[in-house]
Amino acid sequence: MKQHGSILKSTAAAALILIAAIFCFWPAWAADPIKIGAFFDLSGPASSIGTPTKLVAQMVVDKINKEGGINGRPLELVIGDTEGDPTKALMVAKRLVEKDKVVALIGPTRTGTGMAVKAYTEKAKIPTIMTVGGDPVIAGGKFGPFTWTFKTPQRTSVAVKKIYGYLKEKGWTKVALLHATDGFGRDGLGWLKRLAPEYGIQIVAQEAFGVGDTDMTAQLVKIKASPAQALICWTIGPAGARVAKNVKQLAMTIPLFQCHGQPDPKYVELAGSAAEGSLMPSTKLMVADQLPDTDPQKAVIQEFIHLYKDTYHYDAQYPINTHSGYAWDAIMMLANAMRQVGTDRDTLRSAIEQTQGYVGISGIYNLTPQDHNGLGTDSLVIVRVVNGGWKLARP
């Protein structure tokens, strides 16, 4: 009997320990997940940007969940593919909000699809942190209100200021512009023209091309005949590499500047030797090892690179580029806001808008009601392609 009683006591003790262990971890297991909609170009022309953006979004969600989630609740990504199509993007956004009941949206990939969904997300009052390059999504005025819309990539105007500041330091005052005719290209052209007088820049030639064009020689012949001291090309994706090749074929000697969307190993791969010497504004992610240890972003960027390359091994298929950190910063800012105020949309939107001093991959963010991006020219560096790699360019 004594032995039987001892066994019962031992069993009871074991059961109590098990129950205690279950309750210890109960909040992490039982709490409802916080759903975040993540919609990107997972297919279509910009899938080489959208797909790794999705991977990074999942990577940062995994990191947050491993560290305890948001006040004990795990994050859950609900994924959507815009296919690079504005109509599809709007359909996906509606599904995420109305069917999947997400508390916020991250994405999409391109300016055109961002503008296609913005009127809906503003009306639906859903906090949306976009990963698009163009300014119109948070420009206001004729582009509509941006109360609920934020974005993590630098404003086009900030990238233009970075280029013009570099040109001014070099004493290059006459420039030629070559831009794509899509929303991103037009946005770039607008800011390049608007800010030129502020930096003493004279635009001596201006040409355009379609994003699907395979040869820009005709436009570049005209630019070569101009007195331009530098050429600025404003496009993302393969078109920039085609421009670089045409510049080399024409033996043009003036420096070629690409926009802030081009620092990407894919640009070098597609342009080949023609990429050599190209200059462009970039996030510090592309030159992390060249940053001083005193740079507050360096440690954050190094952690990102370690996770991306060594833990998840994404780099084998999608080498790190200047776009890589946008989803990380979007979800981190969203998570920081949710830790403070929870998931009520109104208070969450307000908390995102009050983000100050967030040290991210793409810069140190300081948002205001007037600026739903929060990055200045100090978040960018000018890089040059040297021997197929990326080097900080010195004035």
Protein backbone atom coordinates (compact mmCIF):
# COMPACT_ATOMS: atom_id res chain seq x y z
CA MET A 1 0.00 0.00 0.00
CA LYS A 2 2.82 2.34 0.88
CA GLN A 3 4.40 1.67 -2.50
CA HIS A 4 1.05 2.18 -4.22
CA GLY A 5 0.57 5.47 -2.37
CA SER A 6 4.06 6.55 -3.35
CA ILE A 7 3.31 5.83 -6.97
CA LEU A 8 0.11 7.84 -6.78
CA LYS A 9 1.94 10.74 -5.20
CA SER A 10 4.64 10.59 -7.87
CA THR A 11 2.05 10.46 -10.64
CA ALA A 12 0.16 13.38 -9.13
CA ALA A 13 3.36 15.37 -8.79
CA ALA A 14 4.26 14.64 -12.40
CA ALA A 15 0.78 15.69 -13.50
CA LEU A 16 1.06 18.95 -11.60
CA ILE A 17 4.43 19.65 -13.20
CA LEU A 18 2.96 18.96 -16.63
CA ILE A 19 -0.04 21.20 -15.97
CA ALA A 20 2.26 23.96 -14.70
CA ALA A 21 4.41 23.63 -17.81
CA ILE A 22 1.34 23.83 -20.04
CA PHE A 23 0.07 26.96 -18.29
CA CYS A 24 3.56 28.45 -18.42
CA PHE A 25 3.45 28.32 -22.21
CA TRP A 26 -0.30 28.71 -22.53
CA PRO A 27 -0.32 32.37 -23.65
CA ALA A 28 2.01 31.65 -26.58
CA TRP A 29 -0.04 28.65 -27.67
CA ALA A 30 -3.59 29.77 -27.01
CA ALA A 31 -3.56 33.49 -27.89
CA ASP A 32 -5.16 34.32 -31.21
CA PRO A 33 -2.59 35.36 -33.83
CA ILE A 34 -2.44 38.92 -35.09
CA LYS A 35 -3.01 38.74 -38.82
CA ILE A 36 -1.00 41.01 -41.12
CA GLY A 37 -1.74 41.12 -44.84
CA ALA A 38 1.37 40.99 -47.01
CA PHE A 39 0.82 41.47 -50.75
CA PHE A 40 3.62 41.71 -53.26
CA ASP A 41 4.50 40.98 -56.89
CA LEU A 42 5.12 37.25 -56.44
CA SER A 43 4.69 36.76 -60.18
CA GLY A 44 4.99 39.12 -63.13
CA PRO A 45 7.80 41.51 -64.18
CA ALA A 46 8.73 42.64 -60.66
CA SER A 47 8.62 39.19 -59.02
CA SER A 48 12.40 39.30 -58.56
CA ILE A 49 11.70 42.12 -56.08
CA GLY A 50 8.37 40.95 -54.69
CA THR A 51 9.32 37.35 -53.91
CA PRO A 52 12.36 38.10 -51.73
CA THR A 53 10.34 40.86 -50.07
CA LYS A 54 7.83 38.21 -49.01
CA LEU A 55 10.66 36.00 -47.72
CA VAL A 56 12.03 38.86 -45.63
CA ALA A 57 8.55 39.58 -44.28
CA GLN A 58 8.29 35.99 -43.06
CA MET A 59 11.83 36.12 -41.70
CA VAL A 60 11.12 39.13 -39.50
CA VAL A 61 7.78 37.67 -38.36
CA ASP A 62 9.62 34.49 -37.33
CA LYS A 63 12.12 36.60 -35.38
CA ILE A 64 9.38 38.52 -33.56
CA ASN A 65 7.47 35.34 -32.73
CA LYS A 66 10.58 33.60 -31.39
CA GLU A 67 11.08 36.60 -29.10
CA GLY A 68 7.56 36.30 -27.68
CA GLY A 69 5.39 37.90 -30.33
CA ILE A 70 3.38 41.03 -29.60
CA ASN A 71 2.44 41.11 -25.93
CA GLY A 72 2.17 37.31 -25.96
CA ARG A 73 0.34 37.04 -29.30
CA PRO A 74 2.07 35.61 -32.37
CA LEU A 75 2.07 37.37 -35.71
CA GLU A 76 0.65 35.61 -38.74
CA LEU A 77 1.28 36.71 -42.31
CA VAL A 78 -1.55 36.31 -44.81
CA ILE A 79 0.05 36.41 -48.25
CA GLY A 80 -1.35 37.76 -51.51
CA ASP A 81 0.10 37.99 -55.04
CA THR A 82 -0.64 41.19 -56.93
CA GLU A 83 0.93 39.75 -60.11
CA GLY A 84 2.08 43.31 -60.81
CA ASP A 85 -1.45 44.14 -61.96
CA PRO A 86 -3.30 47.14 -60.45
CA THR A 87 -6.74 45.47 -60.71
CA LYS A 88 -5.44 42.27 -59.14
CA ALA A 89 -3.72 44.27 -56.39
CA LEU A 90 -7.02 45.91 -55.46
CA MET A 91 -8.80 42.55 -55.40
CA VAL A 92 -6.11 41.08 -53.14
CA ALA A 93 -6.24 44.07 -50.77
CA LYS A 94 -10.03 43.72 -50.45
CA ARG A 95 -9.75 39.99 -49.76
CA LEU A 96 -7.12 40.50 -47.07
CA VAL A 97 -9.14 43.21 -45.32
CA GLU A 98 -12.69 41.94 -45.72
CA LYS A 99 -12.29 38.15 -45.70
CA ASP A 100 -9.05 37.50 -43.82
CA LYS A 101 -9.66 40.35 -41.34
CA VAL A 102 -6.05 41.51 -41.17
CA VAL A 103 -5.25 44.39 -38.81
CA ALA A 104 -2.79 46.03 -41.22
CA LEU A 105 -1.28 45.67 -44.68
CA ILE A 106 2.34 45.50 -45.84
CA GLY A 107 3.07 46.09 -49.54
CA PRO A 108 2.63 46.20 -52.48
CA THR A 109 5.79 46.22 -54.63
CA ARG A 110 5.42 48.98 -57.21
CA THR A 111 4.12 52.54 -57.24
CA GLY A 112 1.38 51.79 -59.78
CA THR A 113 -0.18 49.00 -57.73
CA GLY A 114 0.26 51.08 -54.58
CA MET A 115 -1.79 53.89 -56.09
CA ALA A 116 -4.37 51.39 -57.33
CA VAL A 117 -5.13 50.22 -53.78
CA LYS A 118 -4.65 53.45 -51.87
CA ALA A 119 -8.16 54.90 -52.32
CA TYR A 120 -9.62 51.65 -51.01
CA THR A 121 -7.27 51.27 -48.02
CA GLU A 122 -7.81 54.89 -47.05
CA LYS A 123 -11.59 54.45 -47.19
CA ALA A 124 -11.38 51.14 -45.31
CA LYS A 125 -9.20 52.83 -42.67
CA ILE A 126 -6.63 50.05 -42.60
CA PRO A 127 -3.04 50.93 -41.60
CA THR A 128 -0.93 50.25 -44.71
CA ILE A 129 2.85 50.40 -44.83
CA MET A 130 3.89 50.26 -48.48
CA THR A 131 7.17 49.01 -49.87
CA VAL A 132 6.94 51.04 -53.08
CA GLY A 133 9.50 53.51 -54.35
CA GLY A 134 7.38 56.38 -55.65
CA ASP A 135 6.22 59.40 -53.68
CA PRO A 136 2.58 59.68 -54.87
CA VAL A 137 1.28 57.19 -52.28
CA ILE A 138 2.14 59.66 -49.50
CA ALA A 139 2.23 62.91 -51.48
CA GLY A 140 -1.27 64.20 -50.77
CA GLY A 141 -2.83 66.91 -52.93
CA LYS A 142 -3.95 65.59 -56.32
CA PHE A 143 -2.78 62.09 -55.27
CA GLY A 144 -5.36 61.91 -52.49
CA PRO A 145 -5.07 61.71 -48.70
CA PHE A 146 -2.48 59.46 -47.05
CA THR A 147 -3.83 59.38 -43.50
CA TRP A 148 -3.63 55.57 -43.33
CA THR A 149 -0.74 55.12 -45.80
CA PHE A 150 2.96 54.94 -44.97
CA LYS A 151 6.02 53.70 -46.85
CA THR A 152 9.48 52.45 -45.92
CA PRO A 153 11.59 53.05 -49.07
CA GLN A 154 13.07 56.52 -49.32
CA ARG A 155 11.00 59.15 -51.06
CA THR A 156 11.91 59.76 -54.68
CA SER A 157 12.62 63.37 -53.74
CA VAL A 158 15.17 62.24 -51.13
CA ALA A 159 16.99 60.09 -53.69
CA VAL A 160 17.04 62.97 -56.19
CA LYS A 161 18.46 65.28 -53.52
CA LYS A 162 21.20 62.74 -52.79
CA ILE A 163 22.22 62.59 -56.45
CA TYR A 164 22.07 66.34 -56.93
CA GLY A 165 24.10 66.92 -53.78
CA TYR A 166 26.81 64.62 -55.14
CA LEU A 167 26.75 66.36 -58.54
CA LYS A 168 27.08 69.76 -56.87
CA GLU A 169 30.11 68.59 -54.90
CA LYS A 170 31.67 67.39 -58.15
CA GLY A 171 30.89 70.63 -59.93
CA TRP A 172 28.75 68.90 -62.57
CA THR A 173 25.94 71.32 -63.32
CA LYS A 174 24.67 70.14 -66.73
CA VAL A 175 22.72 66.88 -66.75
CA ALA A 176 20.72 64.75 -69.16
CA LEU A 177 17.63 62.84 -68.01
CA LEU A 178 16.44 59.49 -69.33
CA HIS A 179 13.33 58.07 -67.69
CA ALA A 180 10.75 55.32 -67.99
CA THR A 181 7.21 56.31 -68.86
CA ASP A 182 5.62 54.34 -66.00
CA GLY A 183 4.46 55.86 -62.70
CA PHE A 184 7.84 55.46 -61.06
CA GLY A 185 9.69 57.02 -63.98
CA ARG A 186 7.32 59.98 -64.18
CA ASP A 187 7.61 60.52 -60.44
CA GLY A 188 11.40 60.62 -60.78
CA LEU A 189 11.24 63.03 -63.71
CA GLY A 190 8.98 65.38 -61.78
CA TRP A 191 11.35 65.62 -58.85
CA LEU A 192 14.47 65.82 -61.02
CA LYS A 193 13.01 68.86 -62.79
CA ARG A 194 11.54 70.44 -59.67
CA LEU A 195 14.70 70.24 -57.57
CA ALA A 196 17.26 71.11 -60.25
CA PRO A 197 17.24 74.91 -59.65
CA GLU A 198 17.77 74.38 -55.91
CA TYR A 199 21.11 72.70 -56.63
CA GLY A 200 22.16 74.89 -59.55
CA ILE A 201 21.55 72.04 -61.99
CA GLN A 202 20.70 72.70 -65.64
CA ILE A 203 18.82 69.99 -67.54
CA VAL A 204 20.25 70.08 -71.07
CA ALA A 205 18.53 66.98 -72.48
CA GLN A 206 15.47 64.90 -71.62
CA GLU A 207 14.40 61.59 -73.17
CA ALA A 208 11.93 58.82 -72.29
CA PHE A 209 11.44 55.09 -72.95
CA GLY A 210 8.90 52.36 -72.25
CA VAL A 211 9.81 49.88 -69.52
CA GLY A 212 9.56 47.06 -72.04
CA ASP A 213 11.80 48.75 -74.64
CA THR A 214 14.86 46.71 -75.58
CA ASP A 215 17.02 49.46 -77.05
CA MET A 216 17.46 53.09 -75.97
CA THR A 217 20.19 53.94 -78.49
CA ALA A 218 18.13 56.56 -80.33
CA GLN A 219 17.51 58.52 -77.14
CA LEU A 220 21.12 58.20 -76.02
CA VAL A 221 22.47 59.44 -79.37
CA LYS A 222 20.62 62.70 -78.75
CA ILE A 223 21.95 62.88 -75.20
CA LYS A 224 25.51 62.23 -76.38
CA ALA A 225 25.25 65.23 -78.69
CA SER A 226 24.24 67.46 -75.76
CA PRO A 227 26.65 69.30 -73.41
CA ALA A 228 25.59 67.06 -70.48
CA GLN A 229 28.27 66.33 -67.86
CA ALA A 230 26.28 63.46 -66.34
CA LEU A 231 23.38 61.20 -67.30
CA ILE A 232 20.63 60.27 -64.82
CA CYS A 233 18.45 57.27 -65.66
CA TRP A 234 15.22 56.78 -63.68
CA THR A 235 13.79 53.28 -63.82
CA ILE A 236 13.82 50.00 -61.90
CA GLY A 237 14.37 46.48 -63.16
CA PRO A 238 16.07 45.26 -66.36
CA ALA A 239 15.54 48.52 -68.28
CA GLY A 240 18.35 50.16 -66.30
CA ALA A 241 20.78 47.45 -67.38
CA ARG A 242 19.76 47.91 -71.01
CA VAL A 243 20.52 51.62 -70.71
CA ALA A 244 23.97 50.84 -69.28
CA LYS A 245 24.71 48.51 -72.20
CA ASN A 246 23.63 51.11 -74.74
CA VAL A 247 25.76 53.76 -73.03
CA LYS A 248 28.80 51.50 -73.37
CA GLN A 249 27.99 50.64 -76.99
CA LEU A 250 27.93 54.33 -77.83
CA ALA A 251 31.24 54.87 -75.98
CA MET A 252 29.69 57.62 -73.88
CA THR A 253 32.17 58.95 -71.33
CA ILE A 254 29.96 60.95 -68.99
CA PRO A 255 29.07 59.24 -65.68
CA LEU A 256 25.85 57.25 -65.58
CA PHE A 257 23.66 57.63 -62.49
CA GLN A 258 20.91 55.11 -61.86
CA CYS A 259 18.11 55.66 -59.34
CA HIS A 260 17.84 54.29 -55.80
CA GLY A 261 15.98 51.21 -57.03
CA GLN A 262 18.94 49.79 -58.96
CA PRO A 263 21.57 48.81 -56.36
CA ASP A 264 21.06 45.10 -56.93
CA PRO A 265 23.39 42.27 -58.01
CA LYS A 266 20.84 41.63 -60.77
CA TYR A 267 21.74 44.98 -62.32
CA VAL A 268 25.39 43.94 -62.53
CA GLU A 269 24.44 40.48 -63.82
CA LEU A 270 22.25 41.89 -66.61
CA ALA A 271 24.49 44.79 -67.58
CA GLY A 272 27.74 42.82 -67.33
CA SER A 273 30.85 44.89 -67.85
CA ALA A 274 28.66 47.84 -68.86
CA ALA A 275 27.67 48.22 -65.20
CA GLU A 276 31.23 49.12 -64.23
CA GLY A 277 31.45 52.67 -62.92
CA SER A 278 27.69 53.19 -62.61
CA LEU A 279 26.76 55.47 -59.71
CA MET A 280 23.52 55.46 -57.71
CA PRO A 281 22.01 56.31 -54.33
CA SER A 282 21.61 53.24 -52.14
CA THR A 283 20.60 52.13 -48.69
CA LYS A 284 23.56 51.31 -46.45
CA LEU A 285 22.66 47.64 -46.71
CA MET A 286 24.73 47.31 -49.88
CA VAL A 287 27.95 48.50 -48.21
CA ALA A 288 27.47 47.35 -44.61
CA ASP A 289 31.08 46.19 -44.22
CA GLN A 290 32.30 49.62 -45.31
CA LEU A 291 30.35 51.53 -42.64
CA PRO A 292 32.16 52.86 -39.57
CA ASP A 293 31.45 51.03 -36.32
CA THR A 294 29.97 54.25 -34.97
CA ASP A 295 27.10 54.10 -37.47
CA PRO A 296 23.99 53.16 -35.42
CA GLN A 297 22.58 51.17 -38.33
CA LYS A 298 25.60 48.90 -38.74
CA ALA A 299 24.73 46.35 -36.02
CA VAL A 300 21.09 46.18 -37.15
CA ILE A 301 22.11 45.64 -40.76
CA GLN A 302 24.66 43.00 -39.80
CA GLU A 303 22.00 41.05 -37.89
CA PHE A 304 19.74 41.22 -40.93
CA ILE A 305 22.52 39.98 -43.23
CA HIS A 306 23.34 37.12 -40.84
CA LEU A 307 19.72 35.95 -40.75
CA TYR A 308 19.22 36.38 -44.49
CA LYS A 309 22.42 34.64 -45.55
CA ASP A 310 23.46 32.26 -42.77
CA THR A 311 20.19 31.24 -41.13
CA TYR A 312 17.65 31.28 -43.95
CA HIS A 313 20.07 31.00 -46.91
CA TYR A 314 17.92 33.26 -49.08
CA ASP A 315 21.00 34.85 -50.64
CA ALA A 316 21.70 31.80 -52.77
CA GLN A 317 18.60 32.49 -54.87
CA TYR A 318 17.94 36.15 -54.14
CA PRO A 319 21.16 38.06 -53.43
CA ILE A 320 20.71 41.00 -51.08
CA ASN A 321 19.80 44.25 -52.81
CA THR A 322 18.73 47.72 -51.77
CA HIS A 323 15.07 46.58 -51.64
CA SER A 324 15.76 43.75 -49.19
CA GLY A 325 15.17 45.67 -45.97
CA TYR A 326 11.90 47.40 -46.83
CA ALA A 327 9.57 44.69 -45.50
CA TRP A 328 11.73 44.25 -42.38
CA ASP A 329 11.39 47.94 -41.54
CA ALA A 330 7.66 47.95 -42.31
CA ILE A 331 6.88 45.03 -40.02
CA MET A 332 9.23 46.21 -37.28
CA MET A 333 7.58 49.64 -37.17
CA LEU A 334 4.16 48.01 -37.17
CA ALA A 335 5.20 45.62 -34.39
CA ASN A 336 6.67 48.46 -32.30
CA ALA A 337 3.39 50.34 -32.60
CA MET A 338 1.29 47.29 -31.69
CA ARG A 339 3.40 46.66 -28.58
CA GLN A 340 2.52 50.17 -27.43
CA VAL A 341 -1.19 50.38 -28.26
CA GLY A 342 -2.49 47.00 -29.39
CA THR A 343 -4.37 46.36 -32.63
CA ASP A 344 -7.20 48.90 -32.64
CA ARG A 345 -6.86 50.49 -36.08
CA ASP A 346 -7.21 54.12 -35.05
CA THR A 347 -4.71 54.00 -32.20
CA LEU A 348 -2.38 51.79 -34.24
CA ARG A 349 -2.35 54.26 -37.12
CA SER A 350 -1.59 57.08 -34.72
CA ALA A 351 1.24 55.13 -33.07
CA ILE A 352 2.87 54.37 -36.42
CA GLU A 353 2.66 58.05 -37.32
CA GLN A 354 4.50 58.94 -34.11
CA THR A 355 7.45 56.62 -34.79
CA GLN A 356 10.65 58.40 -33.76
CA GLY A 357 14.23 57.16 -33.82
CA TYR A 358 13.50 53.67 -35.13
CA VAL A 359 16.88 52.36 -36.33
CA GLY A 360 16.09 50.23 -39.35
CA ILE A 361 17.77 48.57 -42.30
CA SER A 362 17.00 51.44 -44.67
CA GLY A 363 17.62 54.31 -42.28
CA ILE A 364 16.62 55.90 -39.00
CA TYR A 365 12.91 56.67 -39.23
CA ASN A 366 11.28 59.79 -37.79
CA LEU A 367 7.68 60.06 -38.95
CA THR A 368 5.30 62.99 -38.62
CA PRO A 369 1.70 63.64 -39.72
CA GLN A 370 3.15 65.46 -42.73
CA ASP A 371 5.86 62.89 -43.52
CA HIS A 372 4.73 59.24 -43.59
CA ASN A 373 8.19 58.05 -44.61
CA GLY A 374 10.51 59.75 -42.17
CA LEU A 375 13.84 59.30 -43.96
CA GLY A 376 16.27 62.01 -45.08
CA THR A 377 19.29 62.08 -47.39
CA ASP A 378 21.49 60.80 -44.56
CA SER A 379 19.75 57.43 -44.94
CA LEU A 380 21.32 57.02 -48.38
CA VAL A 381 24.87 56.73 -49.64
CA ILE A 382 26.20 57.05 -53.18
CA VAL A 383 27.67 53.76 -54.38
CA ARG A 384 29.72 52.89 -57.45
CA VAL A 385 29.98 49.55 -59.21
CA VAL A 386 33.63 48.49 -59.00
CA ASN A 387 34.78 45.09 -60.25
CA GLY A 388 31.20 43.88 -60.13
CA GLY A 389 30.74 44.88 -56.49
CA TRP A 390 29.52 47.89 -54.53
CA LYS A 391 31.81 50.56 -53.16
CA LEU A 392 31.08 53.76 -51.32
CA ALA A 393 31.68 56.61 -53.72
CA ARG A 394 33.59 59.55 -52.38
CA PRO A 395 32.88 63.12 -53.49
